[in-house]
Amino acid sequence: MTVGQQLDISSTVSGGLPKPLPDDVSKTYDVSSNWDCGPCCTGSLITLTLEAEEVVLNSENCMESKSKRLPYGELGSVDQSKNACGCYNIGGESIGTVSPGWGSLKELPEMLAILATLKHRQQQRGDQGQIQRTENLERKIDAIIQHFRIQLPDVLDTDEAPGAISMKR
């Protein structure tokens, strides 16, 4: 395996990825790495909060304090990997990678729980979720049209927005 190669770390734990947190539950995880030593060698305190609509990454050390908020739909890829030292990591280009504790098998269940929730909420709130909501809305509109036996015009007025039905008589 090469350094940074993507690896399905969920296969390391029996049963694969755990169930994600319910959509209305927020949880904060300490994802500070024991390998990360800050400029003053006091280390960094890094927390990842999975809120209902956003993920919040807070990083604090003796030099600075940073906070990054991202809606789940803007996360980009959320991946899992194992580095050259054998440590497990999760994350992506938008939030960076995190490896709580020593990134060992001991921390792996917590990392997989974070990963499962990130992936689930990303799918629900991102482009994929928007497509699913639009398809559900279209099915409901079709059911209303059928129920009330509404006759749609055969020809749409081309002066209107694409797909819009003209109300002119």
N, C-alpha and C. Protein backbone atom coordinates (compact mmCIF):
# COMPACT_ATOMS: atom_id res chain seq x y z
N MET A 1 0.85 -1.18 0.00
CA MET A 1 0.00 0.00 0.00
C MET A 1 0.89 1.24 0.00
N THR A 2 0.53 2.22 -0.82
CA THR A 2 1.30 3.45 -0.88
C THR A 2 0.76 4.47 0.13
N VAL A 3 1.57 5.46 0.43
CA VAL A 3 1.19 6.48 1.39
C VAL A 3 -0.04 7.24 0.90
N GLY A 4 -1.01 7.43 1.78
CA GLY A 4 -2.21 8.19 1.45
C GLY A 4 -3.21 7.44 0.59
N GLN A 5 -2.93 6.16 0.31
CA GLN A 5 -3.84 5.38 -0.53
C GLN A 5 -5.19 5.23 0.18
N GLN A 6 -6.27 5.38 -0.59
CA GLN A 6 -7.59 5.23 -0.01
C GLN A 6 -7.79 3.76 0.34
N LEU A 7 -8.36 3.53 1.50
CA LEU A 7 -8.53 2.20 2.03
C LEU A 7 -9.90 2.12 2.66
N ASP A 8 -10.59 1.05 2.47
CA ASP A 8 -11.89 0.89 3.11
C ASP A 8 -11.64 0.43 4.54
N ILE A 9 -11.47 1.40 5.44
CA ILE A 9 -11.18 1.05 6.83
C ILE A 9 -12.40 0.49 7.53
N SER A 10 -13.60 0.68 6.95
CA SER A 10 -14.79 0.14 7.57
C SER A 10 -14.76 -1.38 7.57
N SER A 11 -13.98 -1.99 6.67
CA SER A 11 -13.88 -3.45 6.65
C SER A 11 -13.03 -3.96 7.81
N THR A 12 -12.29 -3.07 8.47
CA THR A 12 -11.45 -3.44 9.61
C THR A 12 -12.30 -3.78 10.83
N VAL A 13 -13.48 -3.16 10.91
CA VAL A 13 -14.39 -3.38 12.03
C VAL A 13 -15.53 -4.26 11.55
N SER A 14 -15.87 -5.28 12.32
CA SER A 14 -16.95 -6.16 11.89
C SER A 14 -18.25 -5.39 11.78
N GLY A 15 -18.99 -5.66 10.72
CA GLY A 15 -20.27 -4.99 10.51
C GLY A 15 -20.17 -3.74 9.66
N GLY A 16 -18.98 -3.31 9.27
CA GLY A 16 -18.83 -2.13 8.43
C GLY A 16 -19.14 -0.84 9.17
N LEU A 17 -19.64 0.15 8.43
CA LEU A 17 -19.94 1.45 9.03
C LEU A 17 -21.10 1.34 10.01
N PRO A 18 -21.00 2.00 11.15
CA PRO A 18 -22.12 2.00 12.10
C PRO A 18 -23.25 2.87 11.57
N LYS A 19 -24.39 2.83 12.26
CA LYS A 19 -25.52 3.68 11.87
C LYS A 19 -25.15 5.14 12.16
N PRO A 20 -25.55 6.05 11.26
CA PRO A 20 -25.27 7.47 11.51
C PRO A 20 -26.15 8.00 12.63
N LEU A 21 -25.74 9.13 13.19
CA LEU A 21 -26.56 9.80 14.19
C LEU A 21 -27.89 10.20 13.56
N PRO A 22 -28.97 10.23 14.34
CA PRO A 22 -30.24 10.74 13.80
C PRO A 22 -30.05 12.18 13.31
N ASP A 23 -30.85 12.58 12.32
CA ASP A 23 -30.68 13.88 11.67
C ASP A 23 -30.79 15.07 12.61
N ASP A 24 -31.56 14.96 13.67
CA ASP A 24 -31.76 16.10 14.56
C ASP A 24 -30.80 16.11 15.75
N VAL A 25 -29.85 15.20 15.78
CA VAL A 25 -28.91 15.10 16.91
C VAL A 25 -27.58 15.76 16.54
N SER A 26 -27.09 16.60 17.44
CA SER A 26 -25.76 17.21 17.30
C SER A 26 -24.82 16.53 18.27
N LYS A 27 -23.57 16.37 17.86
CA LYS A 27 -22.58 15.74 18.74
C LYS A 27 -21.22 16.33 18.45
N THR A 28 -20.44 16.53 19.51
CA THR A 28 -19.08 17.05 19.38
C THR A 28 -18.09 15.94 19.70
N TYR A 29 -17.10 15.80 18.85
CA TYR A 29 -16.05 14.79 19.02
C TYR A 29 -14.71 15.49 19.22
N ASP A 30 -13.90 14.95 20.10
CA ASP A 30 -12.52 15.42 20.26
C ASP A 30 -11.70 14.65 19.24
N VAL A 31 -11.24 15.33 18.21
CA VAL A 31 -10.47 14.68 17.15
C VAL A 31 -9.01 15.14 17.19
N SER A 32 -8.55 15.57 18.36
CA SER A 32 -7.15 15.98 18.53
C SER A 32 -6.26 14.78 18.31
N SER A 33 -5.18 15.01 17.60
CA SER A 33 -4.23 13.95 17.32
C SER A 33 -3.08 13.99 18.30
N ASN A 34 -2.70 12.85 18.82
CA ASN A 34 -1.52 12.77 19.70
C ASN A 34 -0.23 12.94 18.90
N TRP A 35 -0.31 12.81 17.58
CA TRP A 35 0.86 12.97 16.73
C TRP A 35 1.12 14.43 16.42
N ASP A 36 0.08 15.27 16.53
CA ASP A 36 0.20 16.68 16.17
C ASP A 36 0.74 17.48 17.34
N CYS A 37 1.89 18.03 17.16
CA CYS A 37 2.48 18.85 18.21
C CYS A 37 2.46 20.29 17.73
N GLY A 38 1.84 21.15 18.49
CA GLY A 38 1.73 22.56 18.13
C GLY A 38 3.07 23.27 18.19
N PRO A 39 3.11 24.54 17.79
CA PRO A 39 4.36 25.30 17.77
C PRO A 39 5.03 25.39 19.15
N CYS A 40 4.23 25.33 20.20
CA CYS A 40 4.78 25.41 21.55
C CYS A 40 4.89 24.02 22.18
N CYS A 41 4.71 23.01 21.37
CA CYS A 41 4.74 21.62 21.82
C CYS A 41 3.70 21.34 22.91
N THR A 42 2.61 22.10 22.87
CA THR A 42 1.51 21.82 23.79
C THR A 42 0.40 21.08 23.08
N GLY A 43 0.55 20.88 21.78
CA GLY A 43 -0.45 20.19 21.00
C GLY A 43 -1.62 21.08 20.66
N SER A 44 -2.48 20.57 19.82
CA SER A 44 -3.67 21.31 19.40
C SER A 44 -4.90 20.60 19.90
N LEU A 45 -5.88 21.38 20.31
CA LEU A 45 -7.18 20.83 20.67
C LEU A 45 -8.08 21.02 19.45
N ILE A 46 -8.53 19.92 18.89
CA ILE A 46 -9.37 19.97 17.69
C ILE A 46 -10.67 19.26 18.00
N THR A 47 -11.78 19.97 17.76
CA THR A 47 -13.10 19.36 17.95
C THR A 47 -13.86 19.44 16.64
N LEU A 48 -14.65 18.42 16.40
CA LEU A 48 -15.51 18.34 15.23
C LEU A 48 -16.93 18.20 15.74
N THR A 49 -17.77 19.18 15.43
CA THR A 49 -19.16 19.15 15.87
C THR A 49 -20.05 18.89 14.67
N LEU A 50 -20.83 17.83 14.78
CA LEU A 50 -21.79 17.50 13.73
C LEU A 50 -23.14 18.06 14.15
N GLU A 51 -23.46 19.25 13.63
CA GLU A 51 -24.73 19.88 13.93
C GLU A 51 -25.77 19.39 12.93
N ALA A 52 -27.01 19.81 13.10
CA ALA A 52 -28.08 19.34 12.23
C ALA A 52 -27.85 19.73 10.76
N GLU A 53 -27.38 20.95 10.50
CA GLU A 53 -27.22 21.42 9.13
C GLU A 53 -25.78 21.70 8.71
N GLU A 54 -24.86 21.73 9.68
CA GLU A 54 -23.47 22.08 9.38
C GLU A 54 -22.51 21.22 10.18
N VAL A 55 -21.30 21.14 9.66
CA VAL A 55 -20.20 20.55 10.40
C VAL A 55 -19.29 21.70 10.82
N VAL A 56 -18.84 21.68 12.08
CA VAL A 56 -18.00 22.76 12.61
C VAL A 56 -16.68 22.15 13.09
N LEU A 57 -15.58 22.67 12.57
CA LEU A 57 -14.25 22.21 12.95
C LEU A 57 -13.57 23.34 13.70
N ASN A 58 -13.26 23.12 14.97
CA ASN A 58 -12.56 24.10 15.79
C ASN A 58 -11.17 23.58 16.10
N SER A 59 -10.19 24.46 15.93
CA SER A 59 -8.80 24.10 16.20
C SER A 59 -8.20 25.20 17.07
N GLU A 60 -7.53 24.78 18.14
CA GLU A 60 -6.96 25.75 19.07
C GLU A 60 -5.62 25.25 19.57
N ASN A 61 -4.62 26.14 19.52
CA ASN A 61 -3.33 25.84 20.15
C ASN A 61 -2.82 27.13 20.78
N CYS A 62 -1.59 27.15 21.26
CA CYS A 62 -1.10 28.33 21.97
C CYS A 62 -0.91 29.54 21.07
N MET A 63 -0.93 29.35 19.76
CA MET A 63 -0.69 30.44 18.82
C MET A 63 -1.96 31.02 18.21
N GLU A 64 -2.97 30.18 18.00
CA GLU A 64 -4.16 30.65 17.31
C GLU A 64 -5.38 29.78 17.61
N SER A 65 -6.51 30.33 17.28
CA SER A 65 -7.78 29.62 17.42
C SER A 65 -8.54 29.81 16.12
N LYS A 66 -8.94 28.71 15.48
CA LYS A 66 -9.64 28.78 14.20
C LYS A 66 -10.94 27.99 14.29
N SER A 67 -11.93 28.47 13.55
CA SER A 67 -13.20 27.77 13.46
C SER A 67 -13.64 27.77 12.01
N LYS A 68 -14.12 26.63 11.55
CA LYS A 68 -14.57 26.50 10.17
C LYS A 68 -15.94 25.84 10.19
N ARG A 69 -16.93 26.49 9.57
CA ARG A 69 -18.30 25.97 9.48
C ARG A 69 -18.60 25.67 8.01
N LEU A 70 -19.13 24.50 7.76
CA LEU A 70 -19.48 24.14 6.39
C LEU A 70 -20.82 23.42 6.38
N PRO A 71 -21.73 23.82 5.49
CA PRO A 71 -22.95 23.03 5.32
C PRO A 71 -22.57 21.66 4.75
N TYR A 72 -23.31 20.64 5.11
CA TYR A 72 -22.99 19.29 4.66
C TYR A 72 -22.95 19.19 3.14
N GLY A 73 -23.81 19.94 2.46
CA GLY A 73 -23.85 19.89 1.00
C GLY A 73 -22.60 20.42 0.34
N GLU A 74 -21.76 21.14 1.08
CA GLU A 74 -20.54 21.73 0.52
C GLU A 74 -19.26 21.02 0.98
N LEU A 75 -19.41 19.85 1.57
CA LEU A 75 -18.23 19.15 2.09
C LEU A 75 -17.30 18.62 1.01
N GLY A 76 -17.80 18.33 -0.15
CA GLY A 76 -16.96 17.67 -1.14
C GLY A 76 -16.82 16.21 -0.76
N SER A 77 -15.68 15.64 -1.03
CA SER A 77 -15.49 14.22 -0.71
C SER A 77 -15.24 14.03 0.79
N VAL A 78 -15.73 12.93 1.29
CA VAL A 78 -15.47 12.53 2.67
C VAL A 78 -14.91 11.12 2.58
N ASP A 79 -13.62 10.99 2.90
CA ASP A 79 -12.91 9.74 2.66
C ASP A 79 -12.32 9.16 3.94
N GLN A 80 -11.81 7.98 3.79
CA GLN A 80 -11.12 7.28 4.86
C GLN A 80 -9.78 6.79 4.30
N SER A 81 -8.77 6.78 5.12
CA SER A 81 -7.46 6.34 4.64
C SER A 81 -6.61 5.85 5.81
N LYS A 82 -5.49 5.28 5.45
CA LYS A 82 -4.50 4.82 6.41
C LYS A 82 -3.16 5.34 5.93
N ASN A 83 -2.44 6.07 6.80
CA ASN A 83 -1.18 6.67 6.35
C ASN A 83 -0.02 5.68 6.48
N ALA A 84 1.18 6.14 6.11
CA ALA A 84 2.36 5.28 6.11
C ALA A 84 2.73 4.78 7.50
N CYS A 85 2.36 5.52 8.55
CA CYS A 85 2.65 5.11 9.92
C CYS A 85 1.64 4.08 10.44
N GLY A 86 0.61 3.79 9.64
CA GLY A 86 -0.41 2.85 10.06
C GLY A 86 -1.56 3.49 10.80
N CYS A 87 -1.62 4.82 10.80
CA CYS A 87 -2.70 5.54 11.48
C CYS A 87 -3.88 5.71 10.54
N TYR A 88 -5.06 5.60 11.09
CA TYR A 88 -6.28 5.78 10.32
C TYR A 88 -6.67 7.26 10.33
N ASN A 89 -7.19 7.73 9.19
CA ASN A 89 -7.63 9.12 9.04
C ASN A 89 -9.00 9.15 8.38
N ILE A 90 -9.76 10.20 8.67
CA ILE A 90 -10.98 10.46 7.94
C ILE A 90 -11.01 11.94 7.60
N GLY A 91 -11.76 12.30 6.58
CA GLY A 91 -11.89 13.70 6.22
C GLY A 91 -11.89 13.89 4.72
N GLY A 92 -11.60 15.12 4.31
CA GLY A 92 -11.61 15.45 2.89
C GLY A 92 -10.97 16.79 2.67
N GLU A 93 -11.05 17.26 1.41
CA GLU A 93 -10.36 18.51 1.07
C GLU A 93 -10.95 19.73 1.77
N SER A 94 -12.22 19.70 2.08
CA SER A 94 -12.84 20.89 2.68
C SER A 94 -12.60 21.01 4.19
N ILE A 95 -12.56 19.89 4.89
CA ILE A 95 -12.34 19.95 6.34
C ILE A 95 -10.96 19.44 6.74
N GLY A 96 -10.21 18.92 5.79
CA GLY A 96 -8.91 18.34 6.10
C GLY A 96 -9.09 16.95 6.68
N THR A 97 -8.00 16.32 7.05
CA THR A 97 -8.09 14.99 7.63
C THR A 97 -7.91 15.07 9.13
N VAL A 98 -8.61 14.21 9.82
CA VAL A 98 -8.48 14.14 11.27
C VAL A 98 -8.17 12.70 11.66
N SER A 99 -7.42 12.59 12.71
CA SER A 99 -7.02 11.29 13.22
C SER A 99 -7.00 11.38 14.74
N PRO A 100 -8.15 11.15 15.39
CA PRO A 100 -8.20 11.30 16.84
C PRO A 100 -7.23 10.38 17.57
N GLY A 101 -6.73 10.86 18.70
CA GLY A 101 -5.82 10.05 19.51
C GLY A 101 -4.60 9.66 18.72
N TRP A 102 -4.31 8.37 18.73
CA TRP A 102 -3.17 7.87 17.98
C TRP A 102 -3.58 7.37 16.59
N GLY A 103 -4.88 7.46 16.26
CA GLY A 103 -5.34 6.99 14.95
C GLY A 103 -5.25 5.48 14.83
N SER A 104 -5.38 4.79 15.97
CA SER A 104 -5.21 3.34 15.98
C SER A 104 -6.57 2.64 15.93
N LEU A 105 -6.53 1.33 16.03
CA LEU A 105 -7.76 0.54 16.03
C LEU A 105 -8.66 0.92 17.21
N LYS A 106 -8.06 1.40 18.30
CA LYS A 106 -8.84 1.82 19.46
C LYS A 106 -9.77 2.98 19.11
N GLU A 107 -9.30 3.93 18.31
CA GLU A 107 -10.09 5.10 17.92
C GLU A 107 -10.94 4.86 16.68
N LEU A 108 -10.72 3.75 16.00
CA LEU A 108 -11.40 3.48 14.74
C LEU A 108 -12.93 3.46 14.85
N PRO A 109 -13.54 2.85 15.86
CA PRO A 109 -15.01 2.88 15.92
C PRO A 109 -15.58 4.30 15.98
N GLU A 110 -14.93 5.19 16.73
CA GLU A 110 -15.40 6.57 16.79
C GLU A 110 -15.24 7.26 15.43
N MET A 111 -14.12 7.02 14.76
CA MET A 111 -13.90 7.61 13.44
C MET A 111 -14.95 7.12 12.45
N LEU A 112 -15.29 5.84 12.52
CA LEU A 112 -16.29 5.29 11.61
C LEU A 112 -17.68 5.85 11.91
N ALA A 113 -17.97 6.12 13.17
CA ALA A 113 -19.25 6.75 13.53
C ALA A 113 -19.32 8.16 12.94
N ILE A 114 -18.23 8.90 13.03
CA ILE A 114 -18.17 10.25 12.44
C ILE A 114 -18.34 10.15 10.93
N LEU A 115 -17.62 9.23 10.32
CA LEU A 115 -17.66 9.06 8.86
C LEU A 115 -19.07 8.70 8.39
N ALA A 116 -19.73 7.79 9.09
CA ALA A 116 -21.08 7.37 8.71
C ALA A 116 -22.05 8.56 8.76
N THR A 117 -21.94 9.37 9.81
CA THR A 117 -22.83 10.52 9.95
C THR A 117 -22.52 11.58 8.89
N LEU A 118 -21.24 11.86 8.65
CA LEU A 118 -20.87 12.82 7.61
C LEU A 118 -21.41 12.41 6.26
N LYS A 119 -21.21 11.15 5.88
CA LYS A 119 -21.67 10.67 4.58
C LYS A 119 -23.19 10.72 4.48
N HIS A 120 -23.88 10.29 5.53
CA HIS A 120 -25.35 10.29 5.52
C HIS A 120 -25.90 11.70 5.38
N ARG A 121 -25.41 12.62 6.19
CA ARG A 121 -25.93 13.99 6.15
C ARG A 121 -25.54 14.69 4.86
N GLN A 122 -24.39 14.36 4.33
CA GLN A 122 -23.97 14.93 3.06
C GLN A 122 -24.92 14.48 1.95
N GLN A 123 -25.29 13.22 1.94
CA GLN A 123 -26.21 12.71 0.92
C GLN A 123 -27.60 13.31 1.08
N GLN A 124 -28.05 13.51 2.32
CA GLN A 124 -29.38 14.05 2.58
C GLN A 124 -29.48 15.52 2.22
N ARG A 125 -28.41 16.28 2.41
CA ARG A 125 -28.48 17.74 2.27
C ARG A 125 -27.78 18.28 1.03
N GLY A 126 -27.02 17.46 0.36
CA GLY A 126 -26.29 17.90 -0.83
C GLY A 126 -27.11 17.76 -2.10
N ASP A 127 -26.43 17.71 -3.23
CA ASP A 127 -27.09 17.60 -4.53
C ASP A 127 -27.99 16.36 -4.62
N GLN A 128 -27.49 15.26 -4.10
CA GLN A 128 -28.26 14.01 -4.15
C GLN A 128 -29.58 14.17 -3.39
N GLY A 129 -29.55 14.80 -2.24
CA GLY A 129 -30.76 15.04 -1.46
C GLY A 129 -31.72 15.98 -2.17
N GLN A 130 -31.17 17.01 -2.83
CA GLN A 130 -32.01 17.95 -3.57
C GLN A 130 -32.72 17.24 -4.72
N ILE A 131 -32.04 16.37 -5.41
CA ILE A 131 -32.66 15.60 -6.50
C ILE A 131 -33.77 14.72 -5.96
N GLN A 132 -33.53 14.05 -4.84
CA GLN A 132 -34.55 13.19 -4.24
C GLN A 132 -35.77 14.00 -3.81
N ARG A 133 -35.57 15.18 -3.22
CA ARG A 133 -36.70 16.01 -2.80
C ARG A 133 -37.50 16.49 -4.01
N THR A 134 -36.81 16.85 -5.10
CA THR A 134 -37.48 17.29 -6.32
C THR A 134 -38.31 16.16 -6.92
N GLU A 135 -37.74 14.96 -6.96
CA GLU A 135 -38.48 13.81 -7.49
C GLU A 135 -39.72 13.51 -6.64
N ASN A 136 -39.59 13.61 -5.32
CA ASN A 136 -40.75 13.40 -4.43
C ASN A 136 -41.83 14.44 -4.68
N LEU A 137 -41.42 15.69 -4.87
CA LEU A 137 -42.37 16.76 -5.14
C LEU A 137 -43.09 16.53 -6.47
N GLU A 138 -42.35 16.09 -7.48
CA GLU A 138 -42.97 15.80 -8.78
C GLU A 138 -44.00 14.68 -8.67
N ARG A 139 -43.70 13.65 -7.88
CA ARG A 139 -44.66 12.56 -7.69
C ARG A 139 -45.92 13.07 -6.99
N LYS A 140 -45.76 13.95 -6.02
CA LYS A 140 -46.92 14.51 -5.31
C LYS A 140 -47.77 15.36 -6.25
N ILE A 141 -47.12 16.17 -7.08
CA ILE A 141 -47.86 17.00 -8.03
C ILE A 141 -48.62 16.11 -9.02
N ASP A 142 -47.97 15.05 -9.51
CA ASP A 142 -48.64 14.12 -10.43
C ASP A 142 -49.86 13.48 -9.75
N ALA A 143 -49.73 13.12 -8.48
CA ALA A 143 -50.85 12.52 -7.76
C ALA A 143 -52.01 13.51 -7.61
N ILE A 144 -51.70 14.78 -7.35
CA ILE A 144 -52.74 15.81 -7.25
C ILE A 144 -53.44 15.99 -8.59
N ILE A 145 -52.66 16.05 -9.66
CA ILE A 145 -53.22 16.21 -11.00
C ILE A 145 -54.17 15.05 -11.32
N GLN A 146 -53.75 13.83 -11.00
CA GLN A 146 -54.59 12.65 -11.25
C GLN A 146 -55.83 12.67 -10.37
N HIS A 147 -55.69 13.01 -9.11
CA HIS A 147 -56.81 13.00 -8.17
C HIS A 147 -57.91 13.97 -8.59
N PHE A 148 -57.52 15.17 -8.99
CA PHE A 148 -58.49 16.18 -9.38
C PHE A 148 -58.81 16.15 -10.88
N ARG A 149 -58.22 15.20 -11.60
CA ARG A 149 -58.45 15.02 -13.04
C ARG A 149 -58.22 16.34 -13.80
N ILE A 150 -57.11 16.96 -13.51
CA ILE A 150 -56.75 18.22 -14.16
C ILE A 150 -56.22 17.92 -15.55
N GLN A 151 -56.76 18.64 -16.55
CA GLN A 151 -56.30 18.47 -17.92
C GLN A 151 -55.17 19.46 -18.20
N LEU A 152 -54.04 18.97 -18.58
CA LEU A 152 -52.91 19.83 -18.92
C LEU A 152 -53.00 20.21 -20.39
N PRO A 153 -52.62 21.44 -20.75
CA PRO A 153 -52.64 21.82 -22.17
C PRO A 153 -51.60 21.01 -22.95
N ASP A 154 -51.95 20.77 -24.21
CA ASP A 154 -51.03 19.99 -25.06
C ASP A 154 -49.81 20.81 -25.47
N VAL A 155 -50.00 22.10 -25.65
CA VAL A 155 -48.91 22.96 -26.11
C VAL A 155 -48.59 23.98 -25.02
N LEU A 156 -47.34 24.10 -24.74
CA LEU A 156 -46.90 25.10 -23.75
C LEU A 156 -46.53 26.37 -24.48
N ASP A 157 -46.81 27.53 -23.90
CA ASP A 157 -46.45 28.82 -24.47
C ASP A 157 -44.94 28.96 -24.40
N THR A 158 -44.29 29.18 -25.54
CA THR A 158 -42.82 29.23 -25.59
C THR A 158 -42.26 30.56 -25.08
N ASP A 159 -43.13 31.58 -24.87
CA ASP A 159 -42.65 32.87 -24.35
C ASP A 159 -42.36 32.79 -22.86
N GLU A 160 -42.89 31.80 -22.19
CA GLU A 160 -42.72 31.66 -20.75
C GLU A 160 -41.44 30.91 -20.43
N ALA A 161 -41.13 30.79 -19.17
CA ALA A 161 -39.96 30.03 -18.73
C ALA A 161 -40.11 28.58 -19.17
N PRO A 162 -39.00 27.89 -19.40
CA PRO A 162 -39.08 26.48 -19.82
C PRO A 162 -39.88 25.67 -18.81
N GLY A 163 -40.86 24.93 -19.31
CA GLY A 163 -41.66 24.06 -18.44
C GLY A 163 -42.83 24.77 -17.80
N ALA A 164 -42.95 26.09 -17.93
CA ALA A 164 -44.04 26.82 -17.30
C ALA A 164 -45.28 26.74 -18.19
N ILE A 165 -46.43 26.62 -17.59
CA ILE A 165 -47.68 26.56 -18.34
C ILE A 165 -48.28 27.97 -18.35
N SER A 166 -48.65 28.45 -19.51
CA SER A 166 -49.20 29.78 -19.63
C SER A 166 -50.61 29.83 -19.08
N MET A 167 -50.94 30.90 -18.37
CA MET A 167 -52.28 31.09 -17.81
C MET A 167 -53.15 31.91 -18.76
N LYS A 168 -52.62 32.27 -19.95
CA LYS A 168 -53.38 33.05 -20.93
C LYS A 168 -54.47 32.17 -21.53
N ARG A 169 -55.60 32.78 -21.88
CA ARG A 169 -56.70 32.05 -22.51
C ARG A 169 -56.85 32.42 -23.94
